[in-house]
Structures are given as C-alpha cells and as structure tokens.
C-alpha atoms as a PDB file:
ATOM      1  CA  MET A   1       0.000   0.000   0.000  1.00  0.00           C
ATOM      2  CA  ARG A   2       2.820   2.356   0.939  1.00  0.00           C
ATOM      3  CA  ARG A   3       4.579   1.580  -2.328  1.00  0.00           C
ATOM      4  CA  ARG A   4       1.439   2.449  -4.278  1.00  0.00           C
ATOM      5  CA  ARG A   5       1.084   5.787  -2.429  1.00  0.00           C
ATOM      6  CA  THR A   6       4.751   6.617  -2.950  1.00  0.00           C
ATOM      7  CA  ALA A   7       4.486   5.759  -6.650  1.00  0.00           C
ATOM      8  CA  ALA A   8       1.343   7.853  -6.997  1.00  0.00           C
ATOM      9  CA  ARG A   9       3.015  10.839  -5.313  1.00  0.00           C
ATOM     10  CA  ALA A  10       6.070  10.495  -7.535  1.00  0.00           C
ATOM     11  CA  ALA A  11       3.899  10.351 -10.636  1.00  0.00           C
ATOM     12  CA  ALA A  12       1.919  13.402  -9.539  1.00  0.00           C
ATOM     13  CA  LEU A  13       5.116  15.330  -8.798  1.00  0.00           C
ATOM     14  CA  THR A  14       6.610  14.412 -12.176  1.00  0.00           C
ATOM     15  CA  ALA A  15       3.438  15.474 -13.973  1.00  0.00           C
ATOM     16  CA  GLY A  16       3.399  18.788 -12.082  1.00  0.00           C
ATOM     17  CA  LEU A  17       6.997  19.510 -12.991  1.00  0.00           C
ATOM     18  CA  LEU A  18       6.358  18.719 -16.641  1.00  0.00           C
ATOM     19  CA  LEU A  19       3.328  21.004 -16.601  1.00  0.00           C
ATOM     20  CA  LEU A  20       5.329  23.864 -15.067  1.00  0.00           C
ATOM     21  CA  ALA A  21       8.134  23.342 -17.555  1.00  0.00           C
ATOM     22  CA  GLY A  22       5.646  23.842 -20.379  1.00  0.00           C
ATOM     23  CA  CYS A  23       4.582  27.273 -19.097  1.00  0.00           C
ATOM     24  CA  GLY A  24       6.284  30.564 -19.864  1.00  0.00           C
ATOM     25  CA  ILE A  25       8.671  31.491 -22.638  1.00  0.00           C
ATOM     26  CA  ARG A  26      10.761  28.776 -24.185  1.00  0.00           C
ATOM     27  CA  GLY A  27      14.472  29.298 -24.560  1.00  0.00           C
ATOM     28  CA  THR A  28      15.870  30.145 -27.968  1.00  0.00           C
ATOM     29  CA  ALA A  29      19.330  30.039 -29.470  1.00  0.00           C
ATOM     30  CA  VAL A  30      18.569  33.190 -31.472  1.00  0.00           C
ATOM     31  CA  PRO A  31      19.363  36.467 -29.609  1.00  0.00           C
ATOM     32  CA  VAL A  32      16.292  38.649 -29.183  1.00  0.00           C
ATOM     33  CA  ASP A  33      16.645  42.447 -28.964  1.00  0.00           C
ATOM     34  CA  ALA A  34      13.699  43.613 -26.913  1.00  0.00           C
ATOM     35  CA  GLY A  35      15.108  47.150 -26.623  1.00  0.00           C
ATOM     36  CA  SER A  36      15.929  49.004 -23.440  1.00  0.00           C
ATOM     37  CA  ALA A  37      13.931  48.505 -20.296  1.00  0.00           C
ATOM     38  CA  PRO A  38      10.798  50.627 -20.140  1.00  0.00           C
ATOM     39  CA  SER A  39      11.271  53.948 -18.389  1.00  0.00           C
ATOM     40  CA  ARG A  40       8.802  55.729 -16.170  1.00  0.00           C
ATOM     41  CA  ALA A  41      10.407  59.085 -16.987  1.00  0.00           C
ATOM     42  CA  THR A  42       7.977  61.528 -18.563  1.00  0.00           C
ATOM     43  CA  CYS A  43      10.604  64.223 -19.231  1.00  0.00           C
ATOM     44  CA  VAL A  44       7.865  66.789 -18.607  1.00  0.00           C
ATOM     45  CA  VAL A  45       7.756  68.897 -15.454  1.00  0.00           C
ATOM     46  CA  ARG A  46       4.187  69.144 -14.130  1.00  0.00           C
ATOM     47  CA  PRO A  47       2.559  72.543 -14.789  1.00  0.00           C
ATOM     48  CA  GLY A  48       2.500  74.617 -11.631  1.00  0.00           C
ATOM     49  CA  ALA A  49       5.278  72.550 -10.049  1.00  0.00           C
ATOM     50  CA  GLN A  50       7.760  75.409 -10.374  1.00  0.00           C
ATOM     51  CA  ASN A  51       7.811  78.228  -7.861  1.00  0.00           C
ATOM     52  CA  ALA A  52       6.897  81.832  -8.625  1.00  0.00           C
ATOM     53  CA  LEU A  53       9.694  83.957 -10.052  1.00  0.00           C
ATOM     54  CA  PRO A  54      11.842  85.623  -7.376  1.00  0.00           C
ATOM     55  CA  THR A  55      12.191  89.392  -7.654  1.00  0.00           C
ATOM     56  CA  GLY A  56      14.739  90.427 -10.260  1.00  0.00           C
ATOM     57  CA  SER A  57      14.952  86.981 -11.874  1.00  0.00           C
ATOM     58  CA  VAL A  58      14.321  85.917 -15.440  1.00  0.00           C
ATOM     59  CA  THR A  59      13.470  82.537 -16.919  1.00  0.00           C
ATOM     60  CA  VAL A  60      16.185  80.678 -18.797  1.00  0.00           C
ATOM     61  CA  SER A  61      16.439  77.236 -20.336  1.00  0.00           C
ATOM     62  CA  VAL A  62      19.079  74.858 -19.073  1.00  0.00           C
ATOM     63  CA  GLN A  63      19.756  71.503 -20.643  1.00  0.00           C
ATOM     64  CA  LEU A  64      19.257  68.556 -18.314  1.00  0.00           C
ATOM     65  CA  VAL A  65      19.459  64.829 -19.012  1.00  0.00           C
ATOM     66  CA  CYS A  66      16.349  62.684 -19.417  1.00  0.00           C
ATOM     67  CA  THR A  67      16.240  59.230 -21.024  1.00  0.00           C
ATOM     68  CA  SER A  68      19.871  59.678 -22.142  1.00  0.00           C
ATOM     69  CA  GLN A  69      19.222  62.858 -24.127  1.00  0.00           C
ATOM     70  CA  LEU A  70      19.317  66.601 -23.457  1.00  0.00           C
ATOM     71  CA  LEU A  71      16.045  68.430 -22.945  1.00  0.00           C
ATOM     72  CA  PRO A  72      15.387  72.040 -21.879  1.00  0.00           C
ATOM     73  CA  VAL A  73      14.097  72.829 -18.415  1.00  0.00           C
ATOM     74  CA  THR A  74      12.966  76.319 -17.434  1.00  0.00           C
ATOM     75  CA  ARG A  75      14.648  77.836 -14.396  1.00  0.00           C
ATOM     76  CA  ALA A  76      14.401  81.240 -12.712  1.00  0.00           C
ATOM     77  CA  VAL A  77      17.828  82.897 -12.589  1.00  0.00           C
ATOM     78  CA  VAL A  78      19.084  86.301 -11.455  1.00  0.00           C
ATOM     79  CA  LEU A  79      21.390  87.430 -14.256  1.00  0.00           C
ATOM     80  CA  PRO A  80      23.858  90.332 -14.131  1.00  0.00           C
ATOM     81  CA  ALA A  81      22.578  93.669 -15.394  1.00  0.00           C
ATOM     82  CA  ALA A  82      25.291  93.791 -18.048  1.00  0.00           C
ATOM     83  CA  ASP A  83      25.613  90.939 -20.531  1.00  0.00           C
ATOM     84  CA  ASP A  84      28.998  89.897 -19.182  1.00  0.00           C
ATOM     85  CA  ALA A  85      29.758  86.506 -20.739  1.00  0.00           C
ATOM     86  CA  VAL A  86      31.570  85.095 -17.690  1.00  0.00           C
ATOM     87  CA  GLN A  87      28.903  86.222 -15.213  1.00  0.00           C
ATOM     88  CA  VAL A  88      26.090  84.876 -17.376  1.00  0.00           C
ATOM     89  CA  ALA A  89      27.959  81.606 -17.845  1.00  0.00           C
ATOM     90  CA  SER A  90      28.541  81.388 -14.085  1.00  0.00           C
ATOM     91  CA  ALA A  91      24.820  81.901 -13.365  1.00  0.00           C
ATOM     92  CA  LEU A  92      23.854  79.223 -15.899  1.00  0.00           C
ATOM     93  CA  LEU A  93      26.523  76.872 -14.575  1.00  0.00           C
ATOM     94  CA  ASP A  94      25.101  77.275 -11.061  1.00  0.00           C
ATOM     95  CA  GLU A  95      21.805  75.930 -12.411  1.00  0.00           C
ATOM     96  CA  LEU A  96      23.473  73.006 -14.183  1.00  0.00           C
ATOM     97  CA  ARG A  97      25.371  72.005 -11.036  1.00  0.00           C
ATOM     98  CA  ARG A  98      22.257  72.206  -8.879  1.00  0.00           C
ATOM     99  CA  GLN A  99      20.436  68.951  -8.316  1.00  0.00           C
ATOM    100  CA  PRO A 100      17.020  68.781 -10.027  1.00  0.00           C
ATOM    101  CA  SER A 101      14.025  69.953  -8.024  1.00  0.00           C
ATOM    102  CA  PRO A 102      11.611  67.285  -6.724  1.00  0.00           C
ATOM    103  CA  ALA A 103       9.299  67.962  -9.684  1.00  0.00           C
ATOM    104  CA  GLU A 104      12.192  67.663 -12.176  1.00  0.00           C
ATOM    105  CA  ASP A 105      13.443  64.530 -10.459  1.00  0.00           C
ATOM    106  CA  GLU A 106       9.964  63.009 -10.611  1.00  0.00           C
ATOM    107  CA  ALA A 107       9.875  63.715 -14.344  1.00  0.00           C
ATOM    108  CA  GLY A 108      13.178  61.842 -14.778  1.00  0.00           C
ATOM    109  CA  PHE A 109      15.661  64.706 -15.132  1.00  0.00           C
ATOM    110  CA  SER A 110      19.246  64.598 -13.879  1.00  0.00           C
ATOM    111  CA  THR A 111      22.519  66.457 -14.396  1.00  0.00           C
ATOM    112  CA  SER A 112      26.024  65.188 -15.085  1.00  0.00           C
ATOM    113  CA  VAL A 113      27.789  68.509 -14.442  1.00  0.00           C
ATOM    114  CA  PRO A 114      30.288  68.157 -11.551  1.00  0.00           C
ATOM    115  CA  ALA A 115      29.556  70.263  -8.463  1.00  0.00           C
ATOM    116  CA  ARG A 116      33.168  71.502  -8.385  1.00  0.00           C
ATOM    117  CA  LEU A 117      33.133  72.860 -11.953  1.00  0.00           C
ATOM    118  CA  ALA A 118      33.699  76.622 -12.227  1.00  0.00           C
ATOM    119  CA  VAL A 119      33.987  79.058 -15.123  1.00  0.00           C
ATOM    120  CA  GLY A 120      36.289  82.049 -15.450  1.00  0.00           C
ATOM    121  CA  ALA A 121      37.622  84.713 -17.773  1.00  0.00           C
ATOM    122  CA  PRO A 122      39.685  84.025 -20.907  1.00  0.00           C
ATOM    123  CA  HIS A 123      43.457  83.895 -20.839  1.00  0.00           C
ATOM    124  CA  LYS A 124      45.527  86.544 -22.542  1.00  0.00           C
ATOM    125  CA  GLY A 125      45.513  85.863 -26.271  1.00  0.00           C
ATOM    126  CA  ASP A 126      42.321  83.777 -26.221  1.00  0.00           C
ATOM    127  CA  PRO A 127      39.704  84.479 -28.902  1.00  0.00           C
ATOM    128  CA  ALA A 128      36.892  86.818 -27.891  1.00  0.00           C
ATOM    129  CA  GLY A 129      34.121  85.051 -26.012  1.00  0.00           C
ATOM    130  CA  THR A 130      36.335  82.300 -24.613  1.00  0.00           C
ATOM    131  CA  LEU A 131      35.287  80.788 -21.302  1.00  0.00           C
ATOM    132  CA  ARG A 132      37.941  79.066 -19.221  1.00  0.00           C
ATOM    133  CA  LEU A 133      36.876  76.139 -17.003  1.00  0.00           C
ATOM    134  CA  ASN A 134      38.768  74.880 -13.970  1.00  0.00           C
ATOM    135  CA  ILE A 135      38.590  71.404 -15.545  1.00  0.00           C
ATOM    136  CA  ALA A 136      39.730  70.853 -19.135  1.00  0.00           C
ATOM    137  CA  PRO A 137      36.714  70.235 -21.404  1.00  0.00           C
ATOM    138  CA  ASP A 138      38.032  66.867 -22.593  1.00  0.00           C
ATOM    139  CA  GLN A 139      38.345  65.733 -18.962  1.00  0.00           C
ATOM    140  CA  LEU A 140      34.663  66.354 -18.256  1.00  0.00           C
ATOM    141  CA  PRO A 141      32.076  63.607 -18.658  1.00  0.00           C
ATOM    142  CA  PRO A 142      30.892  63.927 -22.291  1.00  0.00           C
ATOM    143  CA  VAL A 143      27.265  64.443 -21.223  1.00  0.00           C
ATOM    144  CA  ALA A 144      28.314  67.248 -18.858  1.00  0.00           C
ATOM    145  CA  LEU A 145      30.240  68.977 -21.662  1.00  0.00           C
ATOM    146  CA  ALA A 146      27.217  68.650 -23.945  1.00  0.00           C
ATOM    147  CA  GLN A 147      25.021  70.189 -21.230  1.00  0.00           C
ATOM    148  CA  LEU A 148      27.363  73.192 -21.013  1.00  0.00           C
ATOM    149  CA  VAL A 149      27.553  73.709 -24.764  1.00  0.00           C
ATOM    150  CA  CYS A 150      23.799  73.446 -25.326  1.00  0.00           C
ATOM    151  CA  THR A 151      22.979  75.648 -22.329  1.00  0.00           C
ATOM    152  CA  PHE A 152      25.538  78.363 -23.139  1.00  0.00           C
ATOM    153  CA  GLY A 153      24.960  78.412 -26.908  1.00  0.00           C
ATOM    154  CA  GLY A 154      22.928  81.352 -28.173  1.00  0.00           C
ATOM    155  CA  THR A 155      23.127  83.216 -24.860  1.00  0.00           C
ATOM    156  CA  ALA A 156      25.359  86.051 -23.670  1.00  0.00           C
ATOM    157  CA  ALA A 157      27.655  83.308 -22.314  1.00  0.00           C
ATOM    158  CA  ALA A 158      28.612  82.681 -25.932  1.00  0.00           C
ATOM    159  CA  ASP A 159      28.215  86.285 -27.120  1.00  0.00           C
ATOM    160  CA  GLY A 160      24.927  85.248 -28.711  1.00  0.00           C
ATOM    161  CA  ARG A 161      26.713  82.904 -31.113  1.00  0.00           C
ATOM    162  CA  GLY A 162      25.933  79.260 -31.733  1.00  0.00           C
ATOM    163  CA  THR A 163      29.559  78.307 -31.108  1.00  0.00           C
ATOM    164  CA  VAL A 164      30.689  78.007 -27.496  1.00  0.00           C
ATOM    165  CA  ILE A 165      34.439  78.478 -26.980  1.00  0.00           C
ATOM    166  CA  LEU A 166      35.759  76.577 -23.980  1.00  0.00           C
ATOM    167  CA  GLY A 167      39.224  76.075 -22.572  1.00  0.00           C
ATOM    168  CA  GLY A 168      40.706  74.524 -19.481  1.00  0.00           C
ATOM    169  CA  PRO A 169      42.901  75.957 -16.731  1.00  0.00           C
ATOM    170  CA  GLY A 170      46.161  75.262 -18.546  1.00  0.00           C
ATOM    171  CA  ASP A 171      47.886  76.767 -21.571  1.00  0.00           C
ATOM    172  CA  GLU A 172      46.168  74.510 -24.090  1.00  0.00           C
ATOM    173  CA  GLY A 173      44.248  76.493 -26.683  1.00  0.00           C
ATOM    174  CA  PRO A 174      40.455  76.694 -26.379  1.00  0.00           C
ATOM    175  CA  LYS A 175      38.099  74.821 -28.689  1.00  0.00           C
ATOM    176  CA  GLY A 176      34.772  75.721 -30.241  1.00  0.00           C
ATOM    177  CA  TYR A 177      31.719  73.508 -29.825  1.00  0.00           C
ATOM    178  CA  GLN A 178      28.288  73.681 -31.429  1.00  0.00           C
ATOM    179  CA  CYS A 179      24.995  72.371 -30.107  1.00  0.00           C
ATOM    180  CA  THR A 180      23.154  70.386 -32.778  1.00  0.00           C
ATOM    181  CA  ASP A 181      20.046  68.220 -32.795  1.00  0.00           C
ATOM    182  CA  GLU A 182      22.339  65.202 -33.028  1.00  0.00           C
ATOM    183  CA  LEU A 183      24.200  66.326 -29.921  1.00  0.00           C
ATOM    184  CA  ARG A 184      20.978  66.814 -27.964  1.00  0.00           C
ATOM    185  CA  THR A 185      19.841  63.321 -28.931  1.00  0.00           C
ATOM    186  CA  HIS A 186      23.232  61.684 -28.391  1.00  0.00           C
ATOM    187  CA  PRO A 187      25.179  63.887 -25.935  1.00  0.00           C
ATOM    188  CA  GLU A 188      27.987  61.309 -25.689  1.00  0.00           C
ATOM    189  CA  SER A 189      28.861  62.134 -29.297  1.00  0.00           C
ATOM    190  CA  ILE A 190      30.468  65.438 -28.288  1.00  0.00           C
ATOM    191  CA  ARG A 191      33.769  63.703 -27.536  1.00  0.00           C
ATOM    192  CA  GLY A 192      36.338  64.805 -30.118  1.00  0.00           C
ATOM    193  CA  THR A 193      34.078  67.300 -31.894  1.00  0.00           C
ATOM    194  CA  GLY A 194      35.725  70.492 -30.612  1.00  0.00           C
ATOM    195  CA  THR A 195      37.644  72.505 -33.176  1.00  0.00           C
ATOM    196  CA  ALA A 196      40.574  74.815 -32.479  1.00  0.00           C
ATOM    197  CA  ALA A 197      39.287  78.341 -31.898  1.00  0.00           C
ATOM    198  CA  SER A 198      41.037  81.320 -33.448  1.00  0.00           C
END
C-alpha cells in the first residue's frame, strides 16, 4: 500500500513539474533584442510645479538629461545687469550644477555637471568670447560637456553665437563647440568634436 502511495506521489510530482516546464517562454538560441527597459520618466515637469519667479529673476532654459538625451528645463535665474559673458555663464553653470528639483526629479531629469566645476575669464591671447573652465573640457564627462555647450549656446555666455568656446585651466588652446540636434539626442557624441578656436 505504501509503495502504491509513494508511486502515486512520484507520478503526480513528475506530472506537475512537466506542466510547469511547459509554461512561460521557451528558450531560444537566437538572440532577441527587446530594446531598453521601459522607463517611467515623462521628461515633462508638471505645470505649476515650479515656484513663482523671485524678484529680479528671469526665466532661462538649461539643458538637463532625461532618457539619455538633453532636454530644456525652465529655471528662474538672477542674471547680471550687463551681458557679461563670464557672469552669465557662471549663473547658468550654477543651475546646471544644482540637483534637479523634486518635480524635475519626478519627471526623470538629472545632471552630469560636476559640483566643483567653475567658469572664469579668458586667458591673454584667447579668442573673444572664450570661457575658461577649472577642468579641461576633454576631462569632463561627455554628457556634462554637452550640457554646457547646449545651455551656453545662443546666450550672452557665448556672445549670442551658436559656437561656445571653452578652454581649461592650462595653456592649451580653447576649442569651439556647437549644439546640434544630433548632440541633444546623443550627448555622448560630443567627444572629439571640438575645433581649435582662433
């Protein structure tokens, strides 16, 4: 009797295992590209989530990272009265270094710009509009460099030009960078794109 029960249990267990093995997705020798994992990032800051403008401030667009690309986010910034390139660049850099607000974070935004990055005046002999960083541009994370270029471009930080001229703290000559749609979509592609400025 015991043998019959044991045999029956073994048979039931075997059948259950075979049934479970038949469920789900079968393995395949062919690699399947299902794309990247789904993201909950909306890349859109909720309307009304931003605070009222402080006195004397203006709205500017800074480029933050969302789903591996650069997208503009509106920030309230107090800019210098005169369009001094270094002061404007410093104010914009402050925004890029700042961690995203709770609403921006909820929407999936982040920044790659190092907190210790600073911007200063050009060296003697630099082309007009040059901005000198305390870290050489090619030593920055590529996404951070792309954020700088696309935030500075077209503003007083770049003398209103599309080309942003950046140099490091040393004697190496500055390079010009341009923000393009390709760069916004693939910010890592900025590596090696700078051209010698004159």
